[in-house]
N, C-alpha and C. Protein backbone atom coordinates (compact mmCIF):
# COMPACT_ATOMS: atom_id res chain seq x y z
N SER A 1 -48.62 -62.90 -1.36
CA SER A 1 -49.61 -61.89 -1.08
C SER A 1 -49.55 -60.79 -2.14
N GLU A 2 -50.68 -60.52 -2.74
CA GLU A 2 -50.73 -59.48 -3.77
C GLU A 2 -50.38 -58.11 -3.21
N VAL A 3 -50.77 -57.85 -1.97
CA VAL A 3 -50.47 -56.56 -1.35
C VAL A 3 -48.96 -56.38 -1.25
N LEU A 4 -48.27 -57.42 -0.86
CA LEU A 4 -46.81 -57.38 -0.73
C LEU A 4 -46.17 -57.13 -2.09
N LEU A 5 -46.58 -57.87 -3.10
CA LEU A 5 -46.03 -57.70 -4.44
C LEU A 5 -46.32 -56.30 -4.98
N GLN A 6 -47.54 -55.83 -4.80
CA GLN A 6 -47.91 -54.51 -5.29
C GLN A 6 -47.13 -53.42 -4.56
N GLY A 7 -46.96 -53.57 -3.26
CA GLY A 7 -46.22 -52.58 -2.48
C GLY A 7 -44.78 -52.47 -2.93
N LEU A 8 -44.15 -53.60 -3.23
CA LEU A 8 -42.77 -53.60 -3.72
C LEU A 8 -42.69 -52.96 -5.09
N HIS A 9 -43.65 -53.29 -5.96
CA HIS A 9 -43.71 -52.67 -7.29
C HIS A 9 -43.85 -51.16 -7.19
N GLU A 10 -44.70 -50.71 -6.27
CA GLU A 10 -44.93 -49.27 -6.11
C GLU A 10 -43.67 -48.53 -5.65
N MET A 11 -42.75 -49.26 -5.00
CA MET A 11 -41.47 -48.66 -4.60
C MET A 11 -40.46 -48.68 -5.74
N GLY A 12 -40.88 -49.23 -6.88
CA GLY A 12 -39.99 -49.27 -8.04
C GLY A 12 -39.00 -50.41 -8.01
N LEU A 13 -39.27 -51.44 -7.21
CA LEU A 13 -38.35 -52.56 -7.10
C LEU A 13 -38.73 -53.66 -8.07
N HIS A 14 -37.70 -54.37 -8.55
CA HIS A 14 -37.92 -55.52 -9.43
C HIS A 14 -38.34 -56.71 -8.57
N VAL A 15 -39.51 -57.26 -8.84
CA VAL A 15 -40.05 -58.38 -8.07
C VAL A 15 -40.30 -59.54 -9.01
N VAL A 16 -39.89 -60.73 -8.57
CA VAL A 16 -40.11 -61.93 -9.37
C VAL A 16 -41.43 -62.57 -8.90
N PRO A 17 -42.35 -62.85 -9.83
CA PRO A 17 -43.60 -63.52 -9.44
C PRO A 17 -43.30 -64.84 -8.73
N THR A 18 -44.11 -65.19 -7.76
CA THR A 18 -43.84 -66.38 -6.96
C THR A 18 -45.11 -67.17 -6.68
N TRP A 19 -44.91 -68.44 -6.44
CA TRP A 19 -45.97 -69.32 -5.97
C TRP A 19 -45.54 -69.93 -4.64
N ALA A 20 -44.42 -69.49 -4.14
CA ALA A 20 -43.88 -69.99 -2.88
C ALA A 20 -44.36 -69.11 -1.72
N ASN A 21 -43.83 -69.39 -0.52
CA ASN A 21 -44.21 -68.59 0.65
C ASN A 21 -43.25 -67.43 0.89
N PHE A 22 -42.48 -67.09 -0.12
CA PHE A 22 -41.57 -65.96 -0.01
C PHE A 22 -41.56 -65.18 -1.31
N VAL A 23 -41.03 -63.95 -1.24
CA VAL A 23 -40.94 -63.08 -2.40
C VAL A 23 -39.48 -62.68 -2.59
N PHE A 24 -39.00 -62.80 -3.82
CA PHE A 24 -37.66 -62.37 -4.19
C PHE A 24 -37.79 -61.01 -4.86
N PHE A 25 -36.94 -60.06 -4.40
CA PHE A 25 -36.93 -58.75 -5.03
C PHE A 25 -35.50 -58.21 -5.03
N GLU A 26 -35.25 -57.24 -5.90
CA GLU A 26 -33.92 -56.65 -5.99
C GLU A 26 -33.97 -55.17 -5.64
N VAL A 27 -32.93 -54.71 -4.94
CA VAL A 27 -32.76 -53.31 -4.62
C VAL A 27 -31.61 -52.77 -5.48
N GLU A 28 -31.46 -51.45 -5.52
CA GLU A 28 -30.44 -50.86 -6.38
C GLU A 28 -29.03 -51.18 -5.91
N SER A 29 -28.82 -51.19 -4.59
CA SER A 29 -27.48 -51.48 -4.07
C SER A 29 -27.57 -51.82 -2.59
N ASP A 30 -26.48 -52.35 -2.05
CA ASP A 30 -26.30 -52.62 -0.63
C ASP A 30 -27.40 -53.48 -0.01
N ALA A 31 -27.71 -54.59 -0.65
CA ALA A 31 -28.71 -55.50 -0.09
C ALA A 31 -28.35 -55.95 1.33
N PRO A 32 -27.06 -56.28 1.62
CA PRO A 32 -26.74 -56.68 2.99
C PRO A 32 -26.98 -55.55 4.00
N GLY A 33 -26.67 -54.31 3.63
CA GLY A 33 -26.91 -53.18 4.53
C GLY A 33 -28.39 -52.95 4.76
N ILE A 34 -29.18 -53.11 3.72
CA ILE A 34 -30.64 -52.96 3.84
C ILE A 34 -31.19 -54.07 4.74
N ALA A 35 -30.68 -55.29 4.56
CA ALA A 35 -31.13 -56.40 5.40
C ALA A 35 -30.82 -56.12 6.87
N LYS A 36 -29.63 -55.58 7.15
CA LYS A 36 -29.26 -55.28 8.54
C LYS A 36 -30.12 -54.16 9.11
N ALA A 37 -30.40 -53.14 8.32
CA ALA A 37 -31.26 -52.04 8.78
C ALA A 37 -32.67 -52.55 9.09
N LEU A 38 -33.17 -53.44 8.25
CA LEU A 38 -34.50 -54.02 8.49
C LEU A 38 -34.48 -54.87 9.76
N GLU A 39 -33.42 -55.66 9.93
CA GLU A 39 -33.32 -56.52 11.10
C GLU A 39 -33.31 -55.72 12.39
N ARG A 40 -32.63 -54.56 12.39
CA ARG A 40 -32.61 -53.70 13.58
C ARG A 40 -34.00 -53.27 14.00
N SER A 41 -34.93 -53.26 13.05
CA SER A 41 -36.30 -52.87 13.39
C SER A 41 -37.22 -54.09 13.53
N GLY A 42 -36.64 -55.28 13.56
CA GLY A 42 -37.44 -56.49 13.79
C GLY A 42 -37.96 -57.17 12.54
N VAL A 43 -37.51 -56.73 11.36
CA VAL A 43 -37.95 -57.34 10.11
C VAL A 43 -36.78 -58.13 9.53
N ILE A 44 -36.97 -59.41 9.35
CA ILE A 44 -35.88 -60.26 8.88
C ILE A 44 -36.10 -60.63 7.42
N VAL A 45 -35.09 -60.32 6.61
CA VAL A 45 -35.06 -60.73 5.21
C VAL A 45 -33.73 -61.43 4.98
N ARG A 46 -33.63 -62.15 3.89
CA ARG A 46 -32.40 -62.87 3.58
C ARG A 46 -31.73 -62.25 2.37
N PRO A 47 -30.49 -61.75 2.52
CA PRO A 47 -29.75 -61.28 1.35
C PRO A 47 -29.31 -62.48 0.52
N LEU A 48 -29.27 -62.32 -0.80
CA LEU A 48 -29.00 -63.44 -1.69
C LEU A 48 -27.66 -63.36 -2.40
N GLY A 49 -26.72 -62.60 -1.84
CA GLY A 49 -25.39 -62.49 -2.43
C GLY A 49 -24.71 -63.84 -2.56
N GLY A 50 -24.90 -64.72 -1.61
CA GLY A 50 -24.32 -66.07 -1.66
C GLY A 50 -24.85 -66.90 -2.81
N TRP A 51 -25.96 -66.51 -3.36
CA TRP A 51 -26.57 -67.20 -4.50
C TRP A 51 -26.21 -66.52 -5.82
N GLY A 52 -25.29 -65.54 -5.75
CA GLY A 52 -24.87 -64.85 -6.95
C GLY A 52 -25.79 -63.70 -7.35
N ILE A 53 -26.62 -63.25 -6.42
CA ILE A 53 -27.54 -62.15 -6.69
C ILE A 53 -27.23 -61.05 -5.67
N PRO A 54 -26.20 -60.22 -5.93
CA PRO A 54 -25.71 -59.28 -4.92
C PRO A 54 -26.74 -58.25 -4.45
N ASN A 55 -27.70 -57.90 -5.25
CA ASN A 55 -28.72 -56.92 -4.86
C ASN A 55 -30.05 -57.58 -4.56
N GLY A 56 -30.07 -58.89 -4.43
CA GLY A 56 -31.31 -59.61 -4.18
C GLY A 56 -31.60 -59.80 -2.71
N LEU A 57 -32.87 -59.76 -2.38
CA LEU A 57 -33.36 -60.03 -1.03
C LEU A 57 -34.58 -60.95 -1.13
N ARG A 58 -34.79 -61.73 -0.07
CA ARG A 58 -35.94 -62.62 -0.02
C ARG A 58 -36.68 -62.37 1.29
N VAL A 59 -37.98 -62.21 1.21
CA VAL A 59 -38.79 -62.01 2.41
C VAL A 59 -39.91 -63.05 2.40
N THR A 60 -40.16 -63.63 3.57
CA THR A 60 -41.25 -64.58 3.71
C THR A 60 -42.56 -63.81 3.79
N ILE A 61 -43.57 -64.32 3.11
CA ILE A 61 -44.89 -63.70 3.14
C ILE A 61 -45.49 -63.96 4.51
N GLY A 62 -45.92 -62.90 5.18
CA GLY A 62 -46.52 -63.02 6.51
C GLY A 62 -48.01 -62.77 6.47
N ASN A 63 -48.54 -62.49 7.64
CA ASN A 63 -49.96 -62.13 7.70
C ASN A 63 -50.09 -60.67 7.25
N PRO A 64 -51.31 -60.18 7.03
CA PRO A 64 -51.47 -58.81 6.53
C PRO A 64 -50.76 -57.74 7.37
N GLU A 65 -50.81 -57.86 8.68
CA GLU A 65 -50.15 -56.87 9.55
C GLU A 65 -48.62 -56.93 9.37
N GLN A 66 -48.07 -58.13 9.31
CA GLN A 66 -46.62 -58.28 9.11
C GLN A 66 -46.19 -57.73 7.76
N ASN A 67 -46.98 -58.01 6.73
CA ASN A 67 -46.65 -57.52 5.39
C ASN A 67 -46.65 -55.99 5.35
N GLN A 68 -47.65 -55.37 5.99
CA GLN A 68 -47.71 -53.90 6.02
C GLN A 68 -46.53 -53.33 6.80
N ASN A 69 -46.17 -53.97 7.91
CA ASN A 69 -45.03 -53.52 8.70
C ASN A 69 -43.75 -53.62 7.87
N PHE A 70 -43.58 -54.71 7.14
CA PHE A 70 -42.41 -54.87 6.27
C PHE A 70 -42.35 -53.76 5.23
N LEU A 71 -43.46 -53.52 4.54
CA LEU A 71 -43.47 -52.51 3.48
C LEU A 71 -43.17 -51.12 4.05
N LYS A 72 -43.77 -50.78 5.19
CA LYS A 72 -43.55 -49.48 5.82
C LYS A 72 -42.08 -49.33 6.23
N THR A 73 -41.53 -50.37 6.82
CA THR A 73 -40.14 -50.32 7.29
C THR A 73 -39.17 -50.27 6.12
N LEU A 74 -39.43 -51.07 5.08
CA LEU A 74 -38.56 -51.06 3.90
C LEU A 74 -38.57 -49.68 3.25
N LYS A 75 -39.73 -49.07 3.17
CA LYS A 75 -39.83 -47.73 2.57
C LYS A 75 -38.95 -46.74 3.34
N ARG A 76 -39.00 -46.80 4.68
CA ARG A 76 -38.16 -45.92 5.49
C ARG A 76 -36.68 -46.21 5.29
N VAL A 77 -36.32 -47.47 5.24
CA VAL A 77 -34.91 -47.85 5.06
C VAL A 77 -34.41 -47.37 3.70
N LEU A 78 -35.20 -47.56 2.64
CA LEU A 78 -34.78 -47.14 1.30
C LEU A 78 -34.67 -45.62 1.22
N ALA A 79 -35.49 -44.91 2.01
CA ALA A 79 -35.42 -43.44 2.03
C ALA A 79 -34.34 -42.97 3.00
N LYS A 80 -33.67 -43.92 3.65
CA LYS A 80 -32.60 -43.65 4.61
C LYS A 80 -33.08 -42.83 5.80
N GLU A 81 -34.33 -43.07 6.19
CA GLU A 81 -34.87 -42.43 7.38
C GLU A 81 -34.52 -43.30 8.59
N PRO A 82 -34.49 -42.71 9.77
CA PRO A 82 -34.21 -43.51 10.98
C PRO A 82 -35.26 -44.60 11.16
N VAL A 83 -34.80 -45.77 11.52
CA VAL A 83 -35.70 -46.90 11.76
C VAL A 83 -35.74 -47.16 13.26
N ARG A 84 -36.94 -47.35 13.80
CA ARG A 84 -37.09 -47.63 15.23
C ARG A 84 -37.51 -49.06 15.45
């Protein structure tokens, strides 16, 4: 989804172009902690430390509403705001 890719770019995150049903992106640090914070709010991403990418995360492309929810929640998590 272009909206998903653009939203991640706008947050200043490194995003790898994809033709798959998921998007790989990197955060500055603590990918596992970010994944757990997202999961607490119902958004599931996969940390990629086991693949040798300690700051990498993978998110499946959803429908437009799911993608917007992911971007909104990720923005709050990265800003270290409380997630509900």
